[in-house]
Amino acid sequence: MSEDKTLEYLLERELRVVNSYIATKRKSLAELLREEHPYVLTLSGDVHMFRKSELILAKEVVGEDAEKLMLPIYVELIPAQTTTTGVIREEIATKLVSTLLGINHATPLYVYPIQLAELRRKIGTLIQYVVSPEALKEIEDYEEI
């Protein structure tokens, strides 16, 4: 195995460990609102619970799109030398997040540390942070690392 392939293999294995808490299968907001104890299972086999109050808040914002909003919302972390940025790529999720943060709606939506902290306060159980190879590609000098 070449050095590049070995490094790629090791990085993929490490990312699986880092991302082990993400949901194996997401559910729609509408489906979660119908559950007495809304939850999803994670890749590590744990249970990720959602707060009903946060689900209700999300429903108030997205309205009829509750069937289309898949939860948890994945915030891909893009590490940088000075700060970490999050990116949300799904249309309905960006609508919810931009409304809650009071910022202009865009897809993809980039959120910064102070906004990530506000999101954690408002809808902390509805979001999960993901480190992915795609996120790493966002770094301009990734090839040089």
N, C-alpha and C. Protein backbone atom coordinates (compact mmCIF):
# COMPACT_ATOMS: atom_id res chain seq x y z
N MET A 1 0.86 -1.17 0.00
CA MET A 1 0.00 0.00 0.00
C MET A 1 0.90 1.24 0.00
N SER A 2 0.59 2.18 -0.88
CA SER A 2 1.40 3.39 -0.97
C SER A 2 1.21 4.26 0.28
N GLU A 3 2.13 5.17 0.47
CA GLU A 3 2.06 6.06 1.64
C GLU A 3 0.79 6.90 1.60
N ASP A 4 0.41 7.40 0.41
CA ASP A 4 -0.82 8.20 0.27
C ASP A 4 -2.05 7.37 0.62
N LYS A 5 -2.10 6.14 0.13
CA LYS A 5 -3.25 5.26 0.41
C LYS A 5 -3.31 4.92 1.89
N THR A 6 -2.17 4.69 2.50
CA THR A 6 -2.13 4.39 3.93
C THR A 6 -2.63 5.57 4.74
N LEU A 7 -2.18 6.76 4.40
CA LEU A 7 -2.63 7.97 5.09
C LEU A 7 -4.13 8.17 4.91
N GLU A 8 -4.62 7.97 3.69
CA GLU A 8 -6.05 8.11 3.42
C GLU A 8 -6.85 7.10 4.24
N TYR A 9 -6.38 5.87 4.29
CA TYR A 9 -7.04 4.82 5.06
C TYR A 9 -7.09 5.19 6.55
N LEU A 10 -5.97 5.63 7.09
CA LEU A 10 -5.91 6.00 8.51
C LEU A 10 -6.81 7.19 8.82
N LEU A 11 -6.85 8.17 7.93
CA LEU A 11 -7.71 9.33 8.11
C LEU A 11 -9.18 8.91 8.11
N GLU A 12 -9.56 8.06 7.17
CA GLU A 12 -10.95 7.59 7.12
C GLU A 12 -11.33 6.84 8.39
N ARG A 13 -10.42 6.00 8.91
CA ARG A 13 -10.69 5.26 10.15
C ARG A 13 -10.85 6.22 11.33
N GLU A 14 -9.99 7.22 11.40
CA GLU A 14 -10.06 8.20 12.49
C GLU A 14 -11.35 9.00 12.41
N LEU A 15 -11.76 9.38 11.20
CA LEU A 15 -12.99 10.13 11.04
C LEU A 15 -14.21 9.31 11.45
N ARG A 16 -14.17 8.01 11.23
CA ARG A 16 -15.26 7.14 11.68
C ARG A 16 -15.38 7.20 13.20
N VAL A 17 -14.26 7.20 13.89
CA VAL A 17 -14.27 7.28 15.35
C VAL A 17 -14.79 8.65 15.79
N VAL A 18 -14.28 9.71 15.18
CA VAL A 18 -14.69 11.07 15.53
C VAL A 18 -16.19 11.26 15.27
N ASN A 19 -16.70 10.66 14.20
CA ASN A 19 -18.10 10.83 13.82
C ASN A 19 -19.00 9.72 14.37
N SER A 20 -18.53 8.92 15.31
CA SER A 20 -19.29 7.76 15.79
C SER A 20 -20.59 8.13 16.50
N TYR A 21 -20.74 9.36 16.92
CA TYR A 21 -21.94 9.77 17.64
C TYR A 21 -23.04 10.29 16.71
N ILE A 22 -22.80 10.32 15.40
CA ILE A 22 -23.84 10.82 14.50
C ILE A 22 -24.90 9.74 14.26
N ALA A 23 -26.07 10.15 13.85
CA ALA A 23 -27.21 9.26 13.69
C ALA A 23 -26.99 8.25 12.57
N THR A 24 -27.44 7.01 12.82
CA THR A 24 -27.37 5.99 11.78
C THR A 24 -28.43 6.27 10.72
N LYS A 25 -29.57 6.78 11.16
CA LYS A 25 -30.67 7.11 10.25
C LYS A 25 -31.41 8.30 10.86
N ARG A 26 -31.58 9.33 10.07
CA ARG A 26 -32.28 10.50 10.58
C ARG A 26 -33.78 10.33 10.41
N LYS A 27 -34.52 11.15 11.15
CA LYS A 27 -35.98 11.14 11.08
C LYS A 27 -36.46 12.55 10.75
N SER A 28 -37.65 12.63 10.17
CA SER A 28 -38.20 13.95 9.87
C SER A 28 -38.69 14.60 11.16
N LEU A 29 -38.74 15.92 11.13
CA LEU A 29 -39.27 16.67 12.28
C LEU A 29 -40.69 16.21 12.58
N ALA A 30 -41.51 16.03 11.54
CA ALA A 30 -42.90 15.60 11.74
C ALA A 30 -42.96 14.25 12.45
N GLU A 31 -42.11 13.32 12.04
CA GLU A 31 -42.08 11.99 12.66
C GLU A 31 -41.67 12.09 14.13
N LEU A 32 -40.65 12.87 14.42
CA LEU A 32 -40.18 13.02 15.80
C LEU A 32 -41.23 13.67 16.69
N LEU A 33 -42.00 14.60 16.15
CA LEU A 33 -43.06 15.25 16.94
C LEU A 33 -44.16 14.27 17.34
N ARG A 34 -44.33 13.20 16.56
CA ARG A 34 -45.35 12.19 16.87
C ARG A 34 -44.88 11.20 17.94
N GLU A 35 -43.58 11.15 18.20
CA GLU A 35 -43.04 10.19 19.17
C GLU A 35 -43.14 10.73 20.60
N GLU A 36 -43.45 9.83 21.53
CA GLU A 36 -43.50 10.24 22.94
C GLU A 36 -42.12 10.63 23.45
N HIS A 37 -41.12 9.84 23.08
CA HIS A 37 -39.73 10.10 23.46
C HIS A 37 -38.90 10.14 22.18
N PRO A 38 -38.81 11.30 21.54
CA PRO A 38 -38.13 11.40 20.24
C PRO A 38 -36.62 11.15 20.35
N TYR A 39 -36.14 10.25 19.48
CA TYR A 39 -34.72 9.88 19.51
C TYR A 39 -34.29 9.30 18.17
N VAL A 40 -32.98 9.19 17.99
CA VAL A 40 -32.36 8.43 16.90
C VAL A 40 -31.22 7.62 17.50
N LEU A 41 -30.82 6.57 16.81
CA LEU A 41 -29.67 5.78 17.23
C LEU A 41 -28.42 6.32 16.55
N THR A 42 -27.29 6.23 17.25
CA THR A 42 -26.02 6.72 16.70
C THR A 42 -25.20 5.56 16.15
N LEU A 43 -24.17 5.89 15.39
CA LEU A 43 -23.28 4.87 14.84
C LEU A 43 -22.62 4.03 15.92
N SER A 44 -22.42 4.62 17.10
CA SER A 44 -21.81 3.88 18.21
C SER A 44 -22.82 3.03 18.97
N GLY A 45 -24.10 3.10 18.59
CA GLY A 45 -25.13 2.32 19.25
C GLY A 45 -25.82 3.04 20.39
N ASP A 46 -25.43 4.27 20.66
CA ASP A 46 -26.06 5.06 21.71
C ASP A 46 -27.37 5.68 21.20
N VAL A 47 -28.11 6.24 22.13
CA VAL A 47 -29.37 6.92 21.81
C VAL A 47 -29.14 8.42 21.89
N HIS A 48 -29.58 9.14 20.87
CA HIS A 48 -29.53 10.61 20.87
C HIS A 48 -30.97 11.09 21.02
N MET A 49 -31.26 11.74 22.15
CA MET A 49 -32.61 12.23 22.44
C MET A 49 -32.77 13.68 21.98
N PHE A 50 -33.99 14.02 21.59
CA PHE A 50 -34.32 15.39 21.19
C PHE A 50 -35.24 16.00 22.25
N ARG A 51 -35.03 17.28 22.56
CA ARG A 51 -35.94 17.99 23.47
C ARG A 51 -37.21 18.35 22.70
N LYS A 52 -38.34 18.04 23.29
CA LYS A 52 -39.64 18.37 22.66
C LYS A 52 -39.76 19.87 22.41
N SER A 53 -39.29 20.68 23.36
CA SER A 53 -39.41 22.13 23.22
C SER A 53 -38.65 22.62 21.98
N GLU A 54 -37.51 22.00 21.68
CA GLU A 54 -36.74 22.39 20.50
C GLU A 54 -37.43 21.92 19.22
N LEU A 55 -38.05 20.75 19.27
CA LEU A 55 -38.80 20.25 18.11
C LEU A 55 -39.98 21.18 17.81
N ILE A 56 -40.66 21.61 18.86
CA ILE A 56 -41.81 22.51 18.68
C ILE A 56 -41.35 23.85 18.12
N LEU A 57 -40.24 24.37 18.61
CA LEU A 57 -39.69 25.62 18.08
C LEU A 57 -39.37 25.46 16.59
N ALA A 58 -38.75 24.36 16.22
CA ALA A 58 -38.41 24.12 14.82
C ALA A 58 -39.67 24.06 13.97
N LYS A 59 -40.72 23.42 14.48
CA LYS A 59 -42.00 23.32 13.75
C LYS A 59 -42.60 24.70 13.53
N GLU A 60 -42.51 25.56 14.54
CA GLU A 60 -43.03 26.93 14.40
C GLU A 60 -42.32 27.68 13.28
N VAL A 61 -41.04 27.40 13.09
CA VAL A 61 -40.26 28.10 12.06
C VAL A 61 -40.47 27.51 10.67
N VAL A 62 -40.40 26.18 10.55
CA VAL A 62 -40.45 25.57 9.22
C VAL A 62 -41.86 25.25 8.74
N GLY A 63 -42.83 25.23 9.65
CA GLY A 63 -44.22 25.02 9.26
C GLY A 63 -44.45 23.75 8.46
N GLU A 64 -44.98 23.92 7.25
CA GLU A 64 -45.34 22.79 6.40
C GLU A 64 -44.14 21.96 5.95
N ASP A 65 -42.95 22.49 6.11
CA ASP A 65 -41.75 21.76 5.71
C ASP A 65 -41.28 20.78 6.79
N ALA A 66 -42.09 20.57 7.83
CA ALA A 66 -41.70 19.67 8.93
C ALA A 66 -41.43 18.25 8.44
N GLU A 67 -42.13 17.84 7.40
CA GLU A 67 -41.92 16.50 6.84
C GLU A 67 -40.59 16.41 6.09
N LYS A 68 -40.09 17.55 5.61
CA LYS A 68 -38.85 17.58 4.83
C LYS A 68 -37.61 17.82 5.67
N LEU A 69 -37.78 18.41 6.85
CA LEU A 69 -36.62 18.70 7.71
C LEU A 69 -36.17 17.42 8.39
N MET A 70 -34.98 16.95 8.03
CA MET A 70 -34.44 15.73 8.62
C MET A 70 -33.54 16.10 9.80
N LEU A 71 -33.74 15.36 10.89
CA LEU A 71 -32.99 15.63 12.12
C LEU A 71 -32.22 14.40 12.55
N PRO A 72 -31.08 14.60 13.17
CA PRO A 72 -30.48 15.89 13.50
C PRO A 72 -29.93 16.60 12.26
N ILE A 73 -29.79 17.91 12.40
CA ILE A 73 -29.16 18.73 11.37
C ILE A 73 -27.65 18.53 11.51
N TYR A 74 -27.01 18.23 10.40
CA TYR A 74 -25.55 18.06 10.43
C TYR A 74 -24.86 19.39 10.16
N VAL A 75 -24.01 19.78 11.09
CA VAL A 75 -23.16 20.95 10.92
C VAL A 75 -21.75 20.42 10.68
N GLU A 76 -21.29 20.54 9.44
CA GLU A 76 -19.95 20.08 9.11
C GLU A 76 -18.94 21.10 9.62
N LEU A 77 -18.01 20.65 10.41
CA LEU A 77 -16.99 21.55 10.95
C LEU A 77 -15.84 21.67 9.97
N ILE A 78 -15.45 22.90 9.70
CA ILE A 78 -14.34 23.18 8.81
C ILE A 78 -13.25 23.82 9.66
N PRO A 79 -12.27 23.03 10.06
CA PRO A 79 -11.22 23.59 10.90
C PRO A 79 -10.34 24.55 10.11
N ALA A 80 -9.93 25.60 10.76
CA ALA A 80 -9.02 26.57 10.14
C ALA A 80 -7.97 26.93 11.18
N GLN A 81 -6.98 27.66 10.75
CA GLN A 81 -5.90 28.00 11.68
C GLN A 81 -6.37 28.95 12.78
N THR A 82 -7.30 29.84 12.49
CA THR A 82 -7.71 30.83 13.48
C THR A 82 -9.03 30.49 14.15
N THR A 83 -9.96 29.89 13.45
CA THR A 83 -11.27 29.60 14.01
C THR A 83 -11.90 28.44 13.25
N THR A 84 -12.90 27.85 13.84
CA THR A 84 -13.62 26.76 13.18
C THR A 84 -14.96 27.30 12.69
N THR A 85 -15.27 26.98 11.46
CA THR A 85 -16.52 27.39 10.84
C THR A 85 -17.38 26.15 10.65
N GLY A 86 -18.69 26.32 10.76
CA GLY A 86 -19.61 25.23 10.46
C GLY A 86 -20.34 25.53 9.18
N VAL A 87 -20.70 24.48 8.46
CA VAL A 87 -21.49 24.67 7.24
C VAL A 87 -22.67 23.71 7.28
N ILE A 88 -23.83 24.25 6.91
CA ILE A 88 -25.06 23.47 6.82
C ILE A 88 -25.46 23.49 5.36
N ARG A 89 -25.70 22.31 4.79
CA ARG A 89 -25.89 22.20 3.35
C ARG A 89 -27.33 21.94 2.90
N GLU A 90 -28.22 21.63 3.82
CA GLU A 90 -29.59 21.26 3.43
C GLU A 90 -30.52 22.46 3.50
N GLU A 91 -31.33 22.62 2.48
CA GLU A 91 -32.17 23.81 2.29
C GLU A 91 -33.09 24.10 3.49
N ILE A 92 -33.87 23.13 3.93
CA ILE A 92 -34.83 23.37 5.02
C ILE A 92 -34.07 23.65 6.32
N ALA A 93 -32.98 22.95 6.53
CA ALA A 93 -32.16 23.18 7.73
C ALA A 93 -31.59 24.59 7.73
N THR A 94 -31.14 25.07 6.57
CA THR A 94 -30.59 26.43 6.51
C THR A 94 -31.68 27.47 6.75
N LYS A 95 -32.89 27.15 6.32
CA LYS A 95 -34.03 28.06 6.58
C LYS A 95 -34.25 28.18 8.09
N LEU A 96 -34.27 27.06 8.79
CA LEU A 96 -34.47 27.06 10.24
C LEU A 96 -33.35 27.82 10.95
N VAL A 97 -32.12 27.47 10.63
CA VAL A 97 -30.97 28.06 11.32
C VAL A 97 -30.85 29.55 11.05
N SER A 98 -31.02 29.96 9.81
CA SER A 98 -30.90 31.39 9.50
C SER A 98 -31.99 32.20 10.19
N THR A 99 -33.19 31.63 10.30
CA THR A 99 -34.28 32.31 11.01
C THR A 99 -33.96 32.45 12.49
N LEU A 100 -33.51 31.36 13.11
CA LEU A 100 -33.19 31.39 14.54
C LEU A 100 -32.04 32.33 14.86
N LEU A 101 -31.09 32.43 13.92
CA LEU A 101 -29.93 33.31 14.14
C LEU A 101 -30.19 34.75 13.68
N GLY A 102 -31.28 34.96 12.96
CA GLY A 102 -31.58 36.30 12.45
C GLY A 102 -30.60 36.76 11.39
N ILE A 103 -30.18 35.82 10.54
CA ILE A 103 -29.23 36.15 9.47
C ILE A 103 -29.85 35.84 8.11
N ASN A 104 -29.23 36.35 7.05
CA ASN A 104 -29.73 36.09 5.70
C ASN A 104 -29.66 34.61 5.38
N HIS A 105 -30.72 34.13 4.72
CA HIS A 105 -30.80 32.73 4.35
C HIS A 105 -29.95 32.45 3.12
N ALA A 106 -29.15 31.40 3.19
CA ALA A 106 -28.34 30.96 2.05
C ALA A 106 -28.11 29.46 2.20
N THR A 107 -27.94 28.80 1.07
CA THR A 107 -27.58 27.39 1.07
C THR A 107 -26.42 27.20 0.13
N PRO A 108 -25.27 26.73 0.62
CA PRO A 108 -24.99 26.35 1.99
C PRO A 108 -24.90 27.57 2.91
N LEU A 109 -25.09 27.32 4.19
CA LEU A 109 -25.04 28.38 5.19
C LEU A 109 -23.81 28.17 6.07
N TYR A 110 -22.97 29.19 6.12
CA TYR A 110 -21.76 29.14 6.95
C TYR A 110 -22.05 29.82 8.27
N VAL A 111 -21.71 29.14 9.37
CA VAL A 111 -21.94 29.69 10.70
C VAL A 111 -20.61 29.71 11.46
N TYR A 112 -20.45 30.75 12.24
CA TYR A 112 -19.19 31.01 12.92
C TYR A 112 -19.33 30.70 14.41
N PRO A 113 -18.22 30.63 15.15
CA PRO A 113 -18.26 30.17 16.54
C PRO A 113 -19.33 30.84 17.41
N ILE A 114 -19.48 32.13 17.33
CA ILE A 114 -20.49 32.80 18.18
C ILE A 114 -21.90 32.35 17.79
N GLN A 115 -22.11 32.10 16.49
CA GLN A 115 -23.41 31.61 16.02
C GLN A 115 -23.61 30.15 16.41
N LEU A 116 -22.54 29.36 16.37
CA LEU A 116 -22.64 27.96 16.80
C LEU A 116 -23.04 27.88 18.27
N ALA A 117 -22.49 28.77 19.09
CA ALA A 117 -22.84 28.80 20.51
C ALA A 117 -24.32 29.15 20.69
N GLU A 118 -24.81 30.10 19.91
CA GLU A 118 -26.22 30.47 19.98
C GLU A 118 -27.11 29.31 19.54
N LEU A 119 -26.70 28.60 18.51
CA LEU A 119 -27.45 27.42 18.06
C LEU A 119 -27.51 26.36 19.15
N ARG A 120 -26.40 26.13 19.82
CA ARG A 120 -26.38 25.14 20.92
C ARG A 120 -27.37 25.52 22.01
N ARG A 121 -27.48 26.82 22.30
CA ARG A 121 -28.44 27.27 23.32
C ARG A 121 -29.88 27.08 22.85
N LYS A 122 -30.15 27.35 21.59
CA LYS A 122 -31.53 27.33 21.10
C LYS A 122 -32.01 25.95 20.67
N ILE A 123 -31.17 25.23 19.94
CA ILE A 123 -31.59 23.92 19.41
C ILE A 123 -30.47 22.89 19.53
N GLY A 124 -29.84 22.85 20.68
CA GLY A 124 -28.68 21.99 20.88
C GLY A 124 -28.90 20.52 20.58
N THR A 125 -30.09 19.99 20.88
CA THR A 125 -30.32 18.57 20.61
C THR A 125 -30.67 18.29 19.16
N LEU A 126 -30.97 19.34 18.39
CA LEU A 126 -31.36 19.14 16.99
C LEU A 126 -30.17 19.14 16.04
N ILE A 127 -28.99 19.48 16.56
CA ILE A 127 -27.81 19.56 15.69
C ILE A 127 -26.74 18.57 16.14
N GLN A 128 -25.98 18.11 15.18
CA GLN A 128 -24.81 17.29 15.46
C GLN A 128 -23.67 17.81 14.61
N TYR A 129 -22.49 17.84 15.20
CA TYR A 129 -21.30 18.32 14.50
C TYR A 129 -20.61 17.15 13.83
N VAL A 130 -20.20 17.36 12.59
CA VAL A 130 -19.59 16.30 11.80
C VAL A 130 -18.27 16.78 11.25
N VAL A 131 -17.26 15.95 11.40
CA VAL A 131 -15.98 16.21 10.72
C VAL A 131 -15.93 15.19 9.60
N SER A 132 -15.86 15.67 8.37
CA SER A 132 -15.90 14.77 7.23
C SER A 132 -14.80 15.09 6.24
N PRO A 133 -14.46 14.13 5.39
CA PRO A 133 -13.47 14.43 4.35
C PRO A 133 -13.91 15.60 3.48
N GLU A 134 -15.21 15.71 3.23
CA GLU A 134 -15.72 16.83 2.43
C GLU A 134 -15.40 18.15 3.11
N ALA A 135 -15.54 18.18 4.43
CA ALA A 135 -15.23 19.41 5.17
C ALA A 135 -13.75 19.73 5.05
N LEU A 136 -12.93 18.71 5.08
CA LEU A 136 -11.49 18.95 4.96
C LEU A 136 -11.13 19.52 3.60
N LYS A 137 -11.89 19.17 2.57
CA LYS A 137 -11.62 19.67 1.22
C LYS A 137 -11.89 21.17 1.12
N GLU A 138 -12.65 21.71 2.06
CA GLU A 138 -12.96 23.14 2.07
C GLU A 138 -11.72 23.98 2.42
N ILE A 139 -10.73 23.35 3.03
CA ILE A 139 -9.52 24.07 3.42
C ILE A 139 -8.66 24.23 2.18
N GLU A 140 -8.36 25.47 1.84
CA GLU A 140 -7.62 25.76 0.61
C GLU A 140 -6.28 25.03 0.53
N ASP A 141 -5.56 24.98 1.64
CA ASP A 141 -4.23 24.38 1.60
C ASP A 141 -4.22 22.96 2.15
N TYR A 142 -5.36 22.27 2.06
CA TYR A 142 -5.47 20.90 2.58
C TYR A 142 -4.41 19.99 1.98
N GLU A 143 -4.15 20.12 0.70
CA GLU A 143 -3.15 19.29 0.01
C GLU A 143 -1.79 19.40 0.68
N GLU A 144 -1.49 20.57 1.25
CA GLU A 144 -0.17 20.81 1.83
C GLU A 144 -0.04 20.25 3.24
N ILE A 145 -1.15 19.92 3.86
CA ILE A 145 -1.12 19.45 5.26
C ILE A 145 -0.52 18.06 5.34
